[in-house]
Amino acid sequence: MLIVQSIVLGVVQGLAEFIPISSSAHLVIVPWLFGWTNPALTSLTFDVALHLGTLLAVLLFFASDWARLIAAWFKSLIQFRIGDDPDRRMAWFILLACVPGGISGVLLESKISEAFHSNPIPQGSMLFMAGAIAGLALLLGLADRFARHQRNFGQIKARDALYIGLAQAFAVIPGVSRSGATITAGLALGIEREAAARFSFLLSAPIIAGAGLKSLYDLVKQISAGAVAGAELVIFPIGFVAAAASGFLCIKFLLGYLKKHSAAVFVWYRVALAALVLIVALIRG
C-alpha cells in the first residue's frame, strides 16, 4: 500500500507543480482526505525525491533553453555586459525573479511546516488553505479574463520579472501555488498565456533546486545519524520517477493547452477544491 501511495503522491506532485493548482496543497490534501498516516510519506526523504523529480522534469524539457541561457549568463559575466542579447537578459530576469521567493522560503518555511505538516492537521490550517486556494482562483480568473495577453516571451522585461518574482514569494503558502501565482502575475502584466507559463516553468528550476538542495543537505545529515527508516529509502526512487515523468508530460500538455485555451478550467477546479476542503474540514471539526 505504501508503494501505491508513493506513486499517487509522486504523480500528484508532478502534475500540480506545473498546473496552477498548488502541489503543496495537494500533497497535504490527498493524505488528509484518505487518511494516509504513514510517516514515510511526509518524511524529508520523500520530500527530496519529489523535489528532485520535478526538477529533472523541467531541466529535461527545457534542456536546449537552459544550455543557451547558462552559456549566455556566463558570457555576460566574462564580458561584464548584457547588451541586447535576449538570452543574457532572460537569464538575469530569471535570477532576479528568484530573489523574493528565496527570501520568503528561508523566512517562512519552518512556520509553514509546523502549521500544515503536523498529524493531525489543525482545522484552522485546512480552512486557511481553502481560503488560499479560492483566493488565487479569483485572481487567476480576473487576470485571465480581463488582462490583454499581447506580449510574447521575448517581450518580457525586468519589471515583469520582478513583479512575477514578488508573486512567487506568496507561493510558500500551501494553496497559493507557485505556478499559479507566477502565471497569474504574468497574465495580469499582459503577457500571453503560453509565454507566462513558459517563464513560470523556467523560473521554477532555481527555486525547486534551492529547496531540493536544502532538503538534500538535511537528509544527508539524517542518514549520517542513522535516522532514516528503510521504508523511506524504498519509496525514494518511486516518488522520484513518478514526479519526473508526470511533471515532464504536464509541462508539455500545459504549454500546448494555453496556446489555444484560457485558464478557466483551472479556476473552476480550484473553486471546487476549496469547497471540498472547506466542507470536509467543517464536518471533521
Protein backbone atom coordinates (compact mmCIF):
# COMPACT_ATOMS: atom_id res chain seq x y z
CA MET A 1 0.00 0.00 0.00
CA LEU A 2 2.86 2.39 0.76
CA ILE A 3 4.24 1.89 -2.75
CA VAL A 4 0.86 2.71 -4.31
CA GLN A 5 0.54 5.79 -2.12
CA SER A 6 4.02 6.99 -3.05
CA ILE A 7 3.23 6.59 -6.77
CA VAL A 8 0.00 8.54 -6.35
CA LEU A 9 1.73 11.37 -4.49
CA GLY A 10 4.60 11.41 -6.99
CA VAL A 11 2.17 11.81 -9.87
CA VAL A 12 0.24 14.45 -7.92
CA GLN A 13 3.45 16.39 -7.30
CA GLY A 14 4.48 16.30 -10.94
CA LEU A 15 1.07 17.44 -12.15
CA ALA A 16 0.30 20.06 -9.51
CA GLU A 17 3.79 21.59 -9.52
CA PHE A 18 3.25 22.95 -13.02
CA ILE A 19 -0.54 23.16 -13.38
CA PRO A 20 -1.68 26.21 -11.36
CA ILE A 21 -3.50 24.21 -8.68
CA SER A 22 -0.82 24.04 -5.90
CA SER A 23 1.34 20.96 -5.39
CA SER A 24 1.98 21.78 -1.71
CA ALA A 25 -1.77 21.89 -1.07
CA HIS A 26 -2.42 18.61 -2.88
CA LEU A 27 0.37 16.82 -1.02
CA VAL A 28 -1.40 17.82 2.20
CA ILE A 29 -4.98 17.31 0.99
CA VAL A 30 -4.66 13.86 -0.60
CA PRO A 31 -3.28 12.06 2.51
CA TRP A 32 -5.64 14.11 4.70
CA LEU A 33 -8.72 13.06 2.70
CA PHE A 34 -7.81 9.37 2.51
CA GLY A 35 -6.37 9.05 6.00
CA TRP A 36 -2.85 8.12 4.90
CA THR A 37 -0.78 8.43 8.05
CA ASN A 38 2.44 6.58 7.20
CA PRO A 39 5.23 8.95 8.29
CA ALA A 40 7.36 7.92 5.32
CA LEU A 41 5.00 9.89 3.05
CA THR A 42 5.69 13.12 4.92
CA SER A 43 9.35 12.40 5.55
CA LEU A 44 12.25 14.55 4.44
CA THR A 45 13.43 11.67 2.26
CA PHE A 46 10.23 11.59 0.23
CA ASP A 47 10.17 15.38 0.02
CA VAL A 48 13.66 15.31 -1.53
CA ALA A 49 12.57 12.67 -4.03
CA LEU A 50 9.60 14.73 -5.19
CA HIS A 51 11.62 17.95 -5.48
CA LEU A 52 14.38 16.27 -7.47
CA GLY A 53 11.83 14.55 -9.70
CA THR A 54 10.12 17.77 -10.73
CA LEU A 55 13.50 19.49 -11.10
CA LEU A 56 14.60 16.78 -13.54
CA ALA A 57 11.36 17.24 -15.49
CA VAL A 58 11.85 20.97 -16.05
CA LEU A 59 15.57 20.57 -16.80
CA LEU A 60 14.95 17.88 -19.41
CA PHE A 61 12.03 19.58 -21.10
CA PHE A 62 13.85 22.90 -21.43
CA ALA A 63 17.32 21.38 -21.92
CA SER A 64 18.12 23.41 -25.04
CA ASP A 65 16.82 26.61 -23.42
CA TRP A 66 18.94 26.02 -20.33
CA ALA A 67 22.05 25.38 -22.44
CA ARG A 68 21.61 28.76 -24.17
CA LEU A 69 20.65 30.67 -21.02
CA ILE A 70 23.51 29.32 -18.91
CA ALA A 71 26.06 29.96 -21.68
CA ALA A 72 24.70 33.48 -22.17
CA TRP A 73 24.81 34.17 -18.44
CA PHE A 74 28.46 33.16 -18.18
CA LYS A 75 29.30 35.29 -21.23
CA SER A 76 27.63 38.28 -19.59
CA LEU A 77 29.81 37.77 -16.52
CA ILE A 78 33.01 37.35 -18.51
CA GLN A 79 32.33 40.36 -20.74
CA PHE A 80 30.63 42.32 -17.94
CA ARG A 81 27.87 43.21 -20.38
CA ILE A 82 24.27 42.17 -21.02
CA GLY A 83 23.50 44.34 -24.05
CA ASP A 84 20.67 43.40 -26.40
CA ASP A 85 21.22 39.63 -26.21
CA PRO A 86 17.76 38.18 -25.35
CA ASP A 87 19.27 35.09 -23.71
CA ARG A 88 21.51 37.18 -21.47
CA ARG A 89 18.55 39.33 -20.44
CA MET A 90 16.32 36.33 -19.78
CA ALA A 91 18.98 34.58 -17.69
CA TRP A 92 19.27 37.63 -15.45
CA PHE A 93 15.50 38.11 -15.37
CA ILE A 94 15.08 34.57 -14.04
CA LEU A 95 17.68 35.17 -11.33
CA LEU A 96 16.05 38.48 -10.42
CA ALA A 97 12.63 36.85 -10.12
CA CYS A 98 14.03 34.14 -7.82
CA VAL A 99 15.12 36.57 -5.11
CA PRO A 100 11.73 37.29 -3.44
CA GLY A 101 10.76 33.62 -3.45
CA GLY A 102 14.07 32.57 -1.98
CA ILE A 103 13.75 35.11 0.84
CA SER A 104 10.18 34.07 1.70
CA GLY A 105 11.15 30.42 1.68
CA VAL A 106 14.00 30.97 4.13
CA LEU A 107 11.90 33.11 6.48
CA LEU A 108 8.63 31.17 6.45
CA GLU A 109 9.43 27.53 5.67
CA SER A 110 9.60 26.34 9.28
CA LYS A 111 6.36 28.09 10.27
CA ILE A 112 4.50 26.68 7.28
CA SER A 113 5.79 23.20 8.07
CA GLU A 114 4.52 23.44 11.65
CA ALA A 115 1.06 24.53 10.50
CA PHE A 116 0.49 22.06 7.67
CA HIS A 117 2.65 19.01 8.32
CA SER A 118 1.56 18.03 11.81
CA ASN A 119 -0.55 14.94 12.45
CA PRO A 120 -3.43 15.58 12.69
CA ILE A 121 -3.52 18.83 10.74
CA PRO A 122 -5.40 21.55 12.68
CA GLN A 123 -8.80 22.50 11.30
CA GLY A 124 -7.72 26.14 11.17
CA SER A 125 -4.84 25.27 8.85
CA MET A 126 -7.15 23.47 6.42
CA LEU A 127 -9.65 26.33 6.45
CA PHE A 128 -6.84 28.79 5.77
CA MET A 129 -5.67 26.60 2.89
CA ALA A 130 -9.18 26.52 1.43
CA GLY A 131 -9.20 30.32 1.51
CA ALA A 132 -5.82 30.49 -0.22
CA ILE A 133 -6.98 28.09 -2.95
CA ALA A 134 -10.14 30.11 -3.56
CA GLY A 135 -8.34 33.46 -3.37
CA LEU A 136 -5.81 32.55 -6.05
CA ALA A 137 -8.66 31.15 -8.17
CA LEU A 138 -10.30 34.59 -8.09
CA LEU A 139 -7.08 36.40 -9.03
CA LEU A 140 -6.26 33.91 -11.80
CA GLY A 141 -9.77 34.21 -13.20
CA LEU A 142 -9.63 38.01 -13.24
CA ALA A 143 -6.17 38.12 -14.82
CA ASP A 144 -7.12 35.54 -17.43
CA ARG A 145 -10.40 37.25 -18.31
CA PHE A 146 -9.62 40.96 -18.29
CA ALA A 147 -5.89 41.40 -18.98
CA ARG A 148 -4.66 41.99 -22.54
CA HIS A 149 -2.46 39.00 -23.37
CA GLN A 150 -0.47 40.57 -26.19
CA ARG A 151 3.20 40.40 -25.22
CA ASN A 152 5.22 37.33 -26.18
CA PHE A 153 8.08 35.63 -24.33
CA GLY A 154 10.73 37.84 -25.92
CA GLN A 155 8.95 40.99 -24.74
CA ILE A 156 9.23 40.18 -21.04
CA LYS A 157 11.08 42.97 -19.23
CA ALA A 158 12.99 43.29 -15.96
CA ARG A 159 9.99 44.94 -14.32
CA ASP A 160 7.81 41.96 -15.28
CA ALA A 161 10.35 39.53 -13.85
CA LEU A 162 10.44 41.43 -10.56
CA TYR A 163 6.63 41.51 -10.24
CA ILE A 164 6.36 37.82 -11.11
CA GLY A 165 9.08 37.08 -8.56
CA LEU A 166 7.18 39.01 -5.90
CA ALA A 167 4.08 36.96 -6.71
CA GLN A 168 6.12 33.78 -6.37
CA ALA A 169 7.05 34.78 -2.83
CA PHE A 170 3.45 34.10 -1.76
CA ALA A 171 3.66 30.53 -3.08
CA VAL A 172 5.25 29.41 0.18
CA ILE A 173 1.66 29.30 1.49
CA PRO A 174 0.05 25.93 0.67
CA GLY A 175 -2.88 26.54 -1.63
CA VAL A 176 -1.47 29.58 -3.41
CA SER A 177 0.59 27.57 -5.95
CA ARG A 178 3.95 28.66 -7.29
CA SER A 179 2.92 28.23 -10.91
CA GLY A 180 -0.50 29.70 -10.12
CA ALA A 181 0.97 32.85 -8.61
CA THR A 182 3.57 33.38 -11.32
CA ILE A 183 1.24 32.63 -14.25
CA THR A 184 -1.42 34.90 -12.73
CA ALA A 185 1.11 37.71 -12.40
CA GLY A 186 2.30 37.17 -15.95
CA LEU A 187 -1.25 37.29 -17.31
CA ALA A 188 -2.04 40.42 -15.29
CA LEU A 189 1.01 42.10 -16.85
CA GLY A 190 -0.36 41.46 -20.33
CA ILE A 191 1.85 38.52 -21.25
CA GLU A 192 0.47 35.79 -23.50
CA ARG A 193 -0.78 32.67 -21.70
CA GLU A 194 1.79 30.30 -23.16
CA ALA A 195 4.62 32.79 -22.61
CA ALA A 196 3.57 33.38 -18.99
CA ALA A 197 3.57 29.62 -18.40
CA ARG A 198 6.97 29.18 -20.08
CA PHE A 199 8.55 31.87 -17.91
CA SER A 200 6.90 30.33 -14.85
CA PHE A 201 8.33 26.90 -15.65
CA LEU A 202 11.83 28.23 -16.29
CA LEU A 203 11.61 30.23 -13.08
CA SER A 204 10.66 27.09 -11.16
CA ALA A 205 14.00 25.37 -11.76
CA PRO A 206 16.21 27.55 -9.49
CA ILE A 207 13.54 27.62 -6.76
CA ILE A 208 12.98 23.86 -6.86
CA ALA A 209 16.74 23.29 -6.99
CA GLY A 210 17.30 25.55 -3.98
CA ALA A 211 14.60 23.83 -1.92
CA GLY A 212 15.77 20.42 -3.06
CA LEU A 213 19.43 21.04 -2.22
CA LYS A 214 18.49 22.37 1.21
CA SER A 215 16.38 19.28 1.87
CA LEU A 216 19.08 17.03 0.45
CA TYR A 217 21.64 18.55 2.81
CA ASP A 218 19.32 17.91 5.76
CA LEU A 219 18.70 14.37 4.51
CA VAL A 220 22.42 13.58 4.33
CA LYS A 221 22.74 14.66 7.96
CA GLN A 222 19.86 12.38 8.92
CA ILE A 223 21.38 9.44 7.04
CA SER A 224 24.72 10.03 8.78
CA ALA A 225 22.91 9.98 12.11
CA GLY A 226 21.08 6.76 11.17
CA ALA A 227 17.71 8.50 11.44
CA VAL A 228 16.26 7.41 8.09
CA ALA A 229 13.82 4.49 8.05
CA GLY A 230 14.10 1.73 5.47
CA ALA A 231 10.63 2.46 4.09
CA GLU A 232 11.70 5.98 3.24
CA LEU A 233 14.60 4.70 1.14
CA VAL A 234 12.32 2.23 -0.66
CA ILE A 235 9.86 4.88 -1.83
CA PHE A 236 12.55 7.44 -2.74
CA PRO A 237 13.12 6.18 -6.33
CA ILE A 238 9.39 5.55 -6.78
CA GLY A 239 8.43 9.09 -5.87
CA PHE A 240 11.32 10.49 -7.91
CA VAL A 241 10.39 8.67 -11.13
CA ALA A 242 6.64 9.31 -10.74
CA ALA A 243 7.18 13.05 -10.17
CA ALA A 244 9.68 13.37 -13.03
CA ALA A 245 7.54 11.52 -15.58
CA SER A 246 4.25 13.22 -14.70
CA GLY A 247 5.95 16.62 -14.46
CA PHE A 248 7.51 16.30 -17.93
CA LEU A 249 4.20 15.30 -19.51
CA CYS A 250 2.38 18.05 -17.63
CA ILE A 251 4.71 20.78 -18.92
CA LYS A 252 4.22 19.56 -22.48
CA PHE A 253 0.45 19.44 -22.06
CA LEU A 254 0.06 22.84 -20.43
CA LEU A 255 2.19 24.79 -22.90
CA GLY A 256 0.13 23.36 -25.75
CA TYR A 257 -3.17 23.83 -23.94
CA LEU A 258 -2.63 27.50 -23.12
CA LYS A 259 -1.85 28.35 -26.75
CA LYS A 260 -5.50 27.69 -27.63
CA HIS A 261 -7.43 27.79 -24.36
CA SER A 262 -7.97 30.06 -21.37
CA ALA A 263 -7.13 29.13 -17.77
CA ALA A 264 -10.82 28.91 -16.82
CA VAL A 265 -10.73 25.15 -16.20
CA PHE A 266 -8.06 25.61 -13.55
CA VAL A 267 -10.01 28.43 -11.91
CA TRP A 268 -13.11 26.25 -11.56
CA TYR A 269 -11.05 23.30 -10.36
CA ARG A 270 -9.59 25.46 -7.61
CA VAL A 271 -13.04 26.69 -6.61
CA ALA A 272 -14.31 23.10 -6.37
CA LEU A 273 -11.23 22.00 -4.43
CA ALA A 274 -11.58 24.89 -1.98
CA ALA A 275 -15.23 23.97 -1.41
CA LEU A 276 -14.31 20.32 -0.82
CA VAL A 277 -11.59 21.18 1.70
CA LEU A 278 -13.90 23.62 3.48
CA ILE A 279 -16.77 21.12 3.77
CA VAL A 280 -14.61 18.21 4.91
CA ALA A 281 -12.75 20.38 7.44
CA LEU A 282 -16.00 21.62 8.94
CA ILE A 283 -17.52 18.12 9.07
CA ARG A 284 -14.46 16.62 10.74
CA GLY A 285 -14.26 19.52 13.17
